[in-house]
PDB file of N, CA and C in Angstrom:
ATOM      1  N   MET A   1      68.941 -12.602 -17.578  1.00  0.00           N
ATOM      2  CA  MET A   1      69.991 -13.634 -17.944  1.00  0.00           C
ATOM      3  C   MET A   1      71.409 -12.794 -17.616  1.00  0.00           C
ATOM      4  N   LEU A   2      72.196 -13.766 -17.004  1.00  0.00           N
ATOM      5  CA  LEU A   2      73.616 -13.119 -16.636  1.00  0.00           C
ATOM      6  C   LEU A   2      74.424 -12.917 -17.876  1.00  0.00           C
ATOM      7  N   THR A   3      75.399 -11.963 -17.994  1.00  0.00           N
ATOM      8  CA  THR A   3      76.302 -11.978 -19.196  1.00  0.00           C
ATOM      9  C   THR A   3      77.355 -12.688 -18.837  1.00  0.00           C
ATOM     10  N   ASN A   4      78.246 -12.789 -19.831  1.00  0.00           N
ATOM     11  CA  ASN A   4      79.319 -13.691 -19.817  1.00  0.00           C
ATOM     12  C   ASN A   4      80.371 -13.001 -18.612  1.00  0.00           C
ATOM     13  N   GLU A   5      80.409 -11.635 -18.666  1.00  0.00           N
ATOM     14  CA  GLU A   5      81.306 -10.878 -17.756  1.00  0.00           C
ATOM     15  C   GLU A   5      80.849 -11.317 -16.630  1.00  0.00           C
ATOM     16  N   GLU A   6      79.553 -11.276 -16.248  1.00  0.00           N
ATOM     17  CA  GLU A   6      78.741 -11.359 -14.792  1.00  0.00           C
ATOM     18  C   GLU A   6      79.191 -12.917 -14.284  1.00  0.00           C
ATOM     19  N   LEU A   7      78.982 -13.705 -15.347  1.00  0.00           N
ATOM     20  CA  LEU A   7      79.277 -15.128 -14.748  1.00  0.00           C
ATOM     21  C   LEU A   7      80.730 -15.234 -14.363  1.00  0.00           C
ATOM     22  N   ASP A   8      81.853 -14.692 -15.331  1.00  0.00           N
ATOM     23  CA  ASP A   8      83.107 -14.876 -15.254  1.00  0.00           C
ATOM     24  C   ASP A   8      83.286 -14.123 -13.650  1.00  0.00           C
ATOM     25  N   LYS A   9      82.713 -13.081 -13.364  1.00  0.00           N
ATOM     26  CA  LYS A   9      82.961 -12.594 -11.929  1.00  0.00           C
ATOM     27  C   LYS A   9      82.642 -13.331 -10.886  1.00  0.00           C
ATOM     28  N   ILE A  10      81.450 -14.159 -10.926  1.00  0.00           N
ATOM     29  CA  ILE A  10      80.957 -15.052  -9.997  1.00  0.00           C
ATOM     30  C   ILE A  10      81.984 -16.282  -9.872  1.00  0.00           C
ATOM     31  N   PHE A  11      82.214 -16.776 -10.984  1.00  0.00           N
ATOM     32  CA  PHE A  11      83.221 -17.853 -10.861  1.00  0.00           C
ATOM     33  C   PHE A  11      84.721 -17.535 -10.246  1.00  0.00           C
ATOM     34  N   ASP A  12      85.144 -16.202 -10.683  1.00  0.00           N
ATOM     35  CA  ASP A  12      86.481 -15.876 -10.058  1.00  0.00           C
ATOM     36  C   ASP A  12      86.195 -15.806  -8.648  1.00  0.00           C
ATOM     37  N   MET A  13      85.052 -15.070  -8.127  1.00  0.00           N
ATOM     38  CA  MET A  13      84.859 -15.115  -6.782  1.00  0.00           C
ATOM     39  C   MET A  13      84.779 -16.295  -5.963  1.00  0.00           C
ATOM     40  N   ILE A  14      84.188 -17.422  -6.590  1.00  0.00           N
ATOM     41  CA  ILE A  14      84.092 -18.596  -5.820  1.00  0.00           C
ATOM     42  C   ILE A  14      85.565 -19.124  -5.849  1.00  0.00           C
ATOM     43  N   SER A  15      86.201 -19.013  -6.951  1.00  0.00           N
ATOM     44  CA  SER A  15      87.507 -19.646  -7.019  1.00  0.00           C
ATOM     45  C   SER A  15      88.462 -19.120  -6.171  1.00  0.00           C
ATOM     46  N   GLN A  16      88.450 -17.809  -5.822  1.00  0.00           N
ATOM     47  CA  GLN A  16      89.208 -17.156  -4.986  1.00  0.00           C
ATOM     48  C   GLN A  16      88.921 -17.398  -3.458  1.00  0.00           C
ATOM     49  N   ASN A  17      87.599 -17.717  -3.284  1.00  0.00           N
ATOM     50  CA  ASN A  17      87.151 -18.011  -1.902  1.00  0.00           C
ATOM     51  C   ASN A  17      87.446 -19.481  -1.506  1.00  0.00           C
ATOM     52  N   VAL A  18      87.336 -20.355  -2.324  1.00  0.00           N
ATOM     53  CA  VAL A  18      87.704 -21.919  -2.282  1.00  0.00           C
ATOM     54  C   VAL A  18      89.179 -21.839  -1.886  1.00  0.00           C
ATOM     55  N   LYS A  19      89.842 -21.430  -2.726  1.00  0.00           N
ATOM     56  CA  LYS A  19      91.210 -21.365  -2.524  1.00  0.00           C
ATOM     57  C   LYS A  19      91.723 -20.702  -1.047  1.00  0.00           C
ATOM     58  N   TYR A  20      91.229 -19.782  -0.731  1.00  0.00           N
ATOM     59  CA  TYR A  20      91.528 -18.881   0.564  1.00  0.00           C
ATOM     60  C   TYR A  20      91.175 -19.978   1.839  1.00  0.00           C
ATOM     61  N   PHE A  21      89.799 -20.236   1.695  1.00  0.00           N
ATOM     62  CA  PHE A  21      89.209 -21.080   2.647  1.00  0.00           C
ATOM     63  C   PHE A  21      89.873 -22.476   2.885  1.00  0.00           C
ATOM     64  N   ARG A  22      90.110 -23.002   1.909  1.00  0.00           N
ATOM     65  CA  ARG A  22      91.155 -24.250   1.957  1.00  0.00           C
ATOM     66  C   ARG A  22      92.505 -24.217   2.639  1.00  0.00           C
ATOM     67  N   ARG A  23      92.860 -23.027   2.282  1.00  0.00           N
ATOM     68  CA  ARG A  23      94.367 -22.906   2.747  1.00  0.00           C
ATOM     69  C   ARG A  23      94.516 -22.099   4.313  1.00  0.00           C
ATOM     70  N   TYR A  24      93.312 -21.477   4.827  1.00  0.00           N
ATOM     71  CA  TYR A  24      93.178 -20.866   6.121  1.00  0.00           C
ATOM     72  C   TYR A  24      91.841 -21.521   6.657  1.00  0.00           C
ATOM     73  N   ASN A  25      92.252 -22.726   6.992  1.00  0.00           N
ATOM     74  CA  ASN A  25      90.863 -23.612   7.556  1.00  0.00           C
ATOM     75  C   ASN A  25      91.152 -24.259   8.951  1.00  0.00           C
ATOM     76  N   HIS A  26      90.304 -24.282   9.805  1.00  0.00           N
ATOM     77  CA  HIS A  26      90.396 -25.045  11.086  1.00  0.00           C
ATOM     78  C   HIS A  26      89.223 -25.826  11.256  1.00  0.00           C
ATOM     79  N   SER A  27      88.678 -26.452  10.110  1.00  0.00           N
ATOM     80  CA  SER A  27      87.887 -27.619  10.315  1.00  0.00           C
ATOM     81  C   SER A  27      88.613 -28.826  10.965  1.00  0.00           C
ATOM     82  N   LYS A  28      87.758 -29.559  11.535  1.00  0.00           N
ATOM     83  CA  LYS A  28      88.526 -31.076  11.885  1.00  0.00           C
ATOM     84  C   LYS A  28      89.356 -31.765  10.910  1.00  0.00           C
ATOM     85  N   TYR A  29      89.295 -31.329   9.454  1.00  0.00           N
ATOM     86  CA  TYR A  29      90.021 -31.995   8.514  1.00  0.00           C
ATOM     87  C   TYR A  29      91.457 -31.418   8.182  1.00  0.00           C
ATOM     88  N   ALA A  30      91.315 -30.113   8.870  1.00  0.00           N
ATOM     89  CA  ALA A  30      92.710 -29.126   8.617  1.00  0.00           C
ATOM     90  C   ALA A  30      93.999 -29.986   9.109  1.00  0.00           C
ATOM     91  N   ASP A  31      95.092 -29.727   8.580  1.00  0.00           N
ATOM     92  CA  ASP A  31      96.395 -30.207   9.367  1.00  0.00           C
ATOM     93  C   ASP A  31      96.712 -29.174  10.412  1.00  0.00           C
ATOM     94  N   GLU A  32      98.021 -29.431  10.872  1.00  0.00           N
ATOM     95  CA  GLU A  32      98.277 -28.700  12.127  1.00  0.00           C
ATOM     96  C   GLU A  32      98.437 -27.064  11.867  1.00  0.00           C
ATOM     97  N   PHE A  33      98.733 -26.960  10.494  1.00  0.00           N
ATOM     98  CA  PHE A  33      98.932 -25.433   9.865  1.00  0.00           C
ATOM     99  C   PHE A  33      97.576 -24.713   9.569  1.00  0.00           C
ATOM    100  N   GLY A  34      96.434 -25.464   9.742  1.00  0.00           N
ATOM    101  CA  GLY A  34      95.114 -24.974   9.437  1.00  0.00           C
ATOM    102  C   GLY A  34      95.115 -24.920   7.883  1.00  0.00           C
ATOM    103  N   ARG A  35      95.295 -25.981   7.111  1.00  0.00           N
ATOM    104  CA  ARG A  35      95.131 -26.143   5.878  1.00  0.00           C
ATOM    105  C   ARG A  35      94.585 -27.660   5.440  1.00  0.00           C
ATOM    106  N   ILE A  36      94.140 -27.605   4.103  1.00  0.00           N
ATOM    107  CA  ILE A  36      93.624 -28.893   3.735  1.00  0.00           C
ATOM    108  C   ILE A  36      94.074 -28.832   2.380  1.00  0.00           C
ATOM    109  N   SER A  37      94.832 -30.116   1.996  1.00  0.00           N
ATOM    110  CA  SER A  37      95.282 -30.049   0.486  1.00  0.00           C
ATOM    111  C   SER A  37      94.234 -30.171  -0.478  1.00  0.00           C
ATOM    112  N   GLN A  38      94.480 -29.876  -1.573  1.00  0.00           N
ATOM    113  CA  GLN A  38      93.566 -30.091  -2.775  1.00  0.00           C
ATOM    114  C   GLN A  38      93.107 -31.536  -3.005  1.00  0.00           C
ATOM    115  N   GLU A  39      94.397 -32.466  -2.591  1.00  0.00           N
ATOM    116  CA  GLU A  39      93.709 -33.794  -2.730  1.00  0.00           C
ATOM    117  C   GLU A  39      92.954 -34.227  -1.579  1.00  0.00           C
ATOM    118  N   ARG A  40      93.157 -33.745  -0.365  1.00  0.00           N
ATOM    119  CA  ARG A  40      92.365 -34.304   0.804  1.00  0.00           C
ATOM    120  C   ARG A  40      90.883 -33.687   0.674  1.00  0.00           C
ATOM    121  N   LEU A  41      90.831 -32.429   0.142  1.00  0.00           N
ATOM    122  CA  LEU A  41      89.486 -31.845  -0.045  1.00  0.00           C
ATOM    123  C   LEU A  41      88.589 -32.650  -1.189  1.00  0.00           C
ATOM    124  N   ALA A  42      89.428 -32.983  -2.285  1.00  0.00           N
ATOM    125  CA  ALA A  42      88.823 -33.749  -3.415  1.00  0.00           C
ATOM    126  C   ALA A  42      88.258 -35.177  -2.775  1.00  0.00           C
ATOM    127  N   GLU A  43      89.181 -35.668  -2.014  1.00  0.00           N
ATOM    128  CA  GLU A  43      88.679 -36.889  -1.459  1.00  0.00           C
ATOM    129  C   GLU A  43      87.471 -37.014  -0.622  1.00  0.00           C
ATOM    130  N   LEU A  44      87.312 -36.033   0.212  1.00  0.00           N
ATOM    131  CA  LEU A  44      86.333 -35.738   1.237  1.00  0.00           C
ATOM    132  C   LEU A  44      84.864 -35.244   0.393  1.00  0.00           C
ATOM    133  N   CYS A  45      85.264 -34.582  -0.697  1.00  0.00           N
ATOM    134  CA  CYS A  45      83.991 -34.113  -1.458  1.00  0.00           C
ATOM    135  C   CYS A  45      83.685 -35.169  -2.504  1.00  0.00           C
ATOM    136  N   ASP A  46      84.310 -36.174  -2.489  1.00  0.00           N
ATOM    137  CA  ASP A  46      84.123 -37.283  -3.627  1.00  0.00           C
ATOM    138  C   ASP A  46      84.159 -36.629  -5.043  1.00  0.00           C
ATOM    139  N   VAL A  47      85.081 -35.763  -5.305  1.00  0.00           N
ATOM    140  CA  VAL A  47      85.401 -35.285  -6.541  1.00  0.00           C
ATOM    141  C   VAL A  47      86.759 -35.395  -7.116  1.00  0.00           C
ATOM    142  N   SER A  48      87.146 -35.083  -8.332  1.00  0.00           N
ATOM    143  CA  SER A  48      88.714 -35.551  -8.482  1.00  0.00           C
ATOM    144  C   SER A  48      89.519 -34.093  -8.034  1.00  0.00           C
ATOM    145  N   GLN A  49      90.837 -34.426  -7.754  1.00  0.00           N
ATOM    146  CA  GLN A  49      91.668 -33.499  -7.413  1.00  0.00           C
ATOM    147  C   GLN A  49      91.956 -32.234  -8.574  1.00  0.00           C
ATOM    148  N   SER A  50      91.694 -32.733  -9.672  1.00  0.00           N
ATOM    149  CA  SER A  50      91.762 -31.876 -10.797  1.00  0.00           C
ATOM    150  C   SER A  50      90.463 -30.871 -10.821  1.00  0.00           C
ATOM    151  N   LEU A  51      89.520 -31.252 -10.526  1.00  0.00           N
ATOM    152  CA  LEU A  51      88.294 -30.350 -10.413  1.00  0.00           C
ATOM    153  C   LEU A  51      88.710 -29.448  -9.358  1.00  0.00           C
ATOM    154  N   ILE A  52      89.255 -29.607  -8.294  1.00  0.00           N
ATOM    155  CA  ILE A  52      89.254 -28.757  -7.094  1.00  0.00           C
ATOM    156  C   ILE A  52      90.488 -27.680  -7.844  1.00  0.00           C
ATOM    157  N   ALA A  53      91.723 -28.154  -8.472  1.00  0.00           N
ATOM    158  CA  ALA A  53      92.473 -27.359  -9.040  1.00  0.00           C
ATOM    159  C   ALA A  53      91.987 -26.407  -9.936  1.00  0.00           C
ATOM    160  N   ASN A  54      91.149 -26.777 -10.844  1.00  0.00           N
ATOM    161  CA  ASN A  54      90.464 -26.232 -11.751  1.00  0.00           C
ATOM    162  C   ASN A  54      89.621 -25.062 -11.276  1.00  0.00           C
ATOM    163  N   ILE A  55      88.870 -25.312 -10.235  1.00  0.00           N
ATOM    164  CA  ILE A  55      88.005 -24.428  -9.569  1.00  0.00           C
ATOM    165  C   ILE A  55      88.736 -23.436  -9.048  1.00  0.00           C
ATOM    166  N   GLU A  56      90.030 -23.573  -8.412  1.00  0.00           N
ATOM    167  CA  GLU A  56      90.867 -22.719  -7.758  1.00  0.00           C
ATOM    168  C   GLU A  56      91.808 -21.969  -8.936  1.00  0.00           C
ATOM    169  N   SER A  57      91.771 -22.213 -10.002  1.00  0.00           N
ATOM    170  CA  SER A  57      92.731 -21.821 -11.111  1.00  0.00           C
ATOM    171  C   SER A  57      92.179 -20.428 -11.654  1.00  0.00           C
ATOM    172  N   GLU A  58      93.070 -19.332 -11.600  1.00  0.00           N
ATOM    173  CA  GLU A  58      92.399 -18.117 -12.380  1.00  0.00           C
ATOM    174  C   GLU A  58      92.593 -18.294 -13.888  1.00  0.00           C
ATOM    175  N   LYS A  59      93.305 -19.428 -14.500  1.00  0.00           N
ATOM    176  CA  LYS A  59      93.485 -19.599 -15.898  1.00  0.00           C
ATOM    177  C   LYS A  59      92.398 -20.541 -16.448  1.00  0.00           C
ATOM    178  N   VAL A  60      91.827 -21.294 -15.686  1.00  0.00           N
ATOM    179  CA  VAL A  60      90.869 -22.110 -16.204  1.00  0.00           C
ATOM    180  C   VAL A  60      89.482 -21.828 -15.808  1.00  0.00           C
ATOM    181  N   LYS A  61      88.585 -21.805 -16.797  1.00  0.00           N
ATOM    182  CA  LYS A  61      87.159 -21.453 -16.578  1.00  0.00           C
ATOM    183  C   LYS A  61      86.484 -22.651 -16.531  1.00  0.00           C
ATOM    184  N   GLN A  62      86.453 -23.292 -15.133  1.00  0.00           N
ATOM    185  CA  GLN A  62      85.888 -24.401 -14.861  1.00  0.00           C
ATOM    186  C   GLN A  62      84.408 -24.295 -14.562  1.00  0.00           C
ATOM    187  N   THR A  63      83.441 -24.939 -14.890  1.00  0.00           N
ATOM    188  CA  THR A  63      82.128 -24.757 -14.489  1.00  0.00           C
ATOM    189  C   THR A  63      81.988 -25.894 -13.753  1.00  0.00           C
ATOM    190  N   PHE A  64      81.086 -25.717 -12.756  1.00  0.00           N
ATOM    191  CA  PHE A  64      80.849 -26.975 -11.611  1.00  0.00           C
ATOM    192  C   PHE A  64      79.418 -26.638 -10.877  1.00  0.00           C
ATOM    193  N   SER A  65      78.893 -27.764 -10.444  1.00  0.00           N
ATOM    194  CA  SER A  65      77.538 -27.445  -9.754  1.00  0.00           C
ATOM    195  C   SER A  65      77.589 -27.039  -8.519  1.00  0.00           C
ATOM    196  N   ILE A  66      76.331 -26.436  -8.069  1.00  0.00           N
ATOM    197  CA  ILE A  66      76.219 -25.896  -6.780  1.00  0.00           C
ATOM    198  C   ILE A  66      76.513 -26.892  -5.839  1.00  0.00           C
ATOM    199  N   SER A  67      76.250 -28.238  -6.221  1.00  0.00           N
ATOM    200  CA  SER A  67      76.459 -29.426  -5.130  1.00  0.00           C
ATOM    201  C   SER A  67      77.829 -29.576  -4.926  1.00  0.00           C
ATOM    202  N   VAL A  68      78.742 -29.242  -5.748  1.00  0.00           N
ATOM    203  CA  VAL A  68      80.313 -29.363  -5.492  1.00  0.00           C
ATOM    204  C   VAL A  68      80.653 -28.375  -4.488  1.00  0.00           C
ATOM    205  N   ILE A  69      80.073 -27.045  -4.668  1.00  0.00           N
ATOM    206  CA  ILE A  69      80.402 -26.011  -3.806  1.00  0.00           C
ATOM    207  C   ILE A  69      79.807 -26.210  -2.327  1.00  0.00           C
ATOM    208  N   ALA A  70      78.613 -26.853  -2.459  1.00  0.00           N
ATOM    209  CA  ALA A  70      77.907 -27.035  -1.147  1.00  0.00           C
ATOM    210  C   ALA A  70      78.661 -28.191  -0.348  1.00  0.00           C
ATOM    211  N   SER A  71      79.148 -29.267  -1.146  1.00  0.00           N
ATOM    212  CA  SER A  71      80.120 -30.037  -0.513  1.00  0.00           C
ATOM    213  C   SER A  71      81.312 -29.536   0.081  1.00  0.00           C
ATOM    214  N   ILE A  72      81.994 -28.792  -0.561  1.00  0.00           N
ATOM    215  CA  ILE A  72      83.049 -27.999  -0.177  1.00  0.00           C
ATOM    216  C   ILE A  72      82.920 -26.944   1.092  1.00  0.00           C
ATOM    217  N   SER A  73      81.680 -26.428   1.084  1.00  0.00           N
ATOM    218  CA  SER A  73      81.336 -25.443   2.258  1.00  0.00           C
ATOM    219  C   SER A  73      81.193 -26.629   3.486  1.00  0.00           C
ATOM    220  N   LYS A  74      80.637 -27.839   3.213  1.00  0.00           N
ATOM    221  CA  LYS A  74      80.241 -28.581   4.404  1.00  0.00           C
ATOM    222  C   LYS A  74      81.760 -29.046   4.960  1.00  0.00           C
ATOM    223  N   VAL A  75      82.527 -29.488   4.091  1.00  0.00           N
ATOM    224  CA  VAL A  75      83.865 -29.992   4.550  1.00  0.00           C
ATOM    225  C   VAL A  75      84.774 -28.947   5.176  1.00  0.00           C
ATOM    226  N   LEU A  76      84.930 -27.884   4.581  1.00  0.00           N
ATOM    227  CA  LEU A  76      85.737 -26.863   5.223  1.00  0.00           C
ATOM    228  C   LEU A  76      85.053 -26.159   6.266  1.00  0.00           C
ATOM    229  N   ASN A  77      83.665 -26.504   6.528  1.00  0.00           N
ATOM    230  CA  ASN A  77      82.834 -25.864   7.677  1.00  0.00           C
ATOM    231  C   ASN A  77      82.876 -24.341   7.491  1.00  0.00           C
ATOM    232  N   ILE A  78      82.472 -23.964   6.452  1.00  0.00           N
ATOM    233  CA  ILE A  78      82.420 -22.358   5.925  1.00  0.00           C
ATOM    234  C   ILE A  78      81.031 -22.484   5.490  1.00  0.00           C
ATOM    235  N   PRO A  79      80.190 -21.341   5.889  1.00  0.00           N
ATOM    236  CA  PRO A  79      78.762 -21.371   5.434  1.00  0.00           C
ATOM    237  C   PRO A  79      78.805 -20.959   3.722  1.00  0.00           C
ATOM    238  N   LEU A  80      77.791 -21.698   3.219  1.00  0.00           N
ATOM    239  CA  LEU A  80      77.642 -21.748   1.599  1.00  0.00           C
ATOM    240  C   LEU A  80      77.592 -20.229   1.213  1.00  0.00           C
ATOM    241  N   ASP A  81      77.059 -19.189   1.717  1.00  0.00           N
ATOM    242  CA  ASP A  81      77.095 -17.947   1.350  1.00  0.00           C
ATOM    243  C   ASP A  81      78.199 -17.295   1.128  1.00  0.00           C
ATOM    244  N   GLU A  82      79.211 -17.629   2.229  1.00  0.00           N
ATOM    245  CA  GLU A  82      80.599 -17.083   2.188  1.00  0.00           C
ATOM    246  C   GLU A  82      81.394 -17.089   0.714  1.00  0.00           C
ATOM    247  N   PHE A  83      81.187 -18.190   0.098  1.00  0.00           N
ATOM    248  CA  PHE A  83      81.677 -18.452  -1.197  1.00  0.00           C
ATOM    249  C   PHE A  83      80.964 -17.632  -2.388  1.00  0.00           C
ATOM    250  N   PHE A  84      79.984 -16.920  -2.211  1.00  0.00           N
ATOM    251  CA  PHE A  84      79.431 -16.023  -3.085  1.00  0.00           C
ATOM    252  C   PHE A  84      79.544 -14.668  -2.669  1.00  0.00           C
ATOM    253  N   LYS A  85      80.363 -14.337  -1.791  1.00  0.00           N
ATOM    254  CA  LYS A  85      80.757 -12.833  -1.243  1.00  0.00           C
ATOM    255  C   LYS A  85      82.157 -12.513  -1.694  1.00  0.00           C
ATOM    256  N   GLU A  86      82.327 -11.326  -1.950  1.00  0.00           N
ATOM    257  CA  GLU A  86      83.632 -10.521  -2.251  1.00  0.00           C
ATOM    258  C   GLU A  86      84.313 -10.355  -0.793  1.00  0.00           C
ATOM    259  N   HIS A  87      85.474 -10.952  -0.930  1.00  0.00           N
ATOM    260  CA  HIS A  87      86.126 -10.680   0.763  1.00  0.00           C
ATOM    261  C   HIS A  87      87.450  -9.871   0.193  1.00  0.00           C
ATOM    262  N   ASP A  88      87.983  -8.919   1.154  1.00  0.00           N
ATOM    263  CA  ASP A  88      89.489  -8.673   0.739  1.00  0.00           C
ATOM    264  C   ASP A  88      90.042  -9.310   1.824  1.00  0.00           C
ATOM    265  N   PHE A  89      90.797 -10.444   1.316  1.00  0.00           N
ATOM    266  CA  PHE A  89      91.547 -11.203   2.087  1.00  0.00           C
ATOM    267  C   PHE A  89      92.955 -10.586   2.402  1.00  0.00           C
ATOM    268  N   ASN A  90      93.304  -9.445   1.628  1.00  0.00           N
ATOM    269  CA  ASN A  90      94.684  -8.831   1.906  1.00  0.00           C
ATOM    270  C   ASN A  90      94.695  -7.727   3.131  1.00  0.00           C
ATOM    271  N   LYS A  91      93.599  -7.658   3.871  1.00  0.00           N
ATOM    272  CA  LYS A  91      93.517  -6.822   5.008  1.00  0.00           C
ATOM    273  C   LYS A  91      94.396  -7.569   6.043  1.00  0.00           C
TER     274      LYS A  91
END
């Protein structure tokens, strides 16, 4: 059984990755700057914009299903396992 601390770490990691991959994206849905808005991502994933915002928020502990992350993965054209890895995006 995972501890609350371990679950928080997983949710935080996914949150950071969704936010990063949405902002730095070159899928067919990205704009000319390589970004997809929260609204557009929500529309393409058939979820609410507030769910995407909550997933990306560091302040909100939003639970979500693996199917939501799988949908985000497909739309952003990022392998699903990348959302479950720690990345150092500051390099």
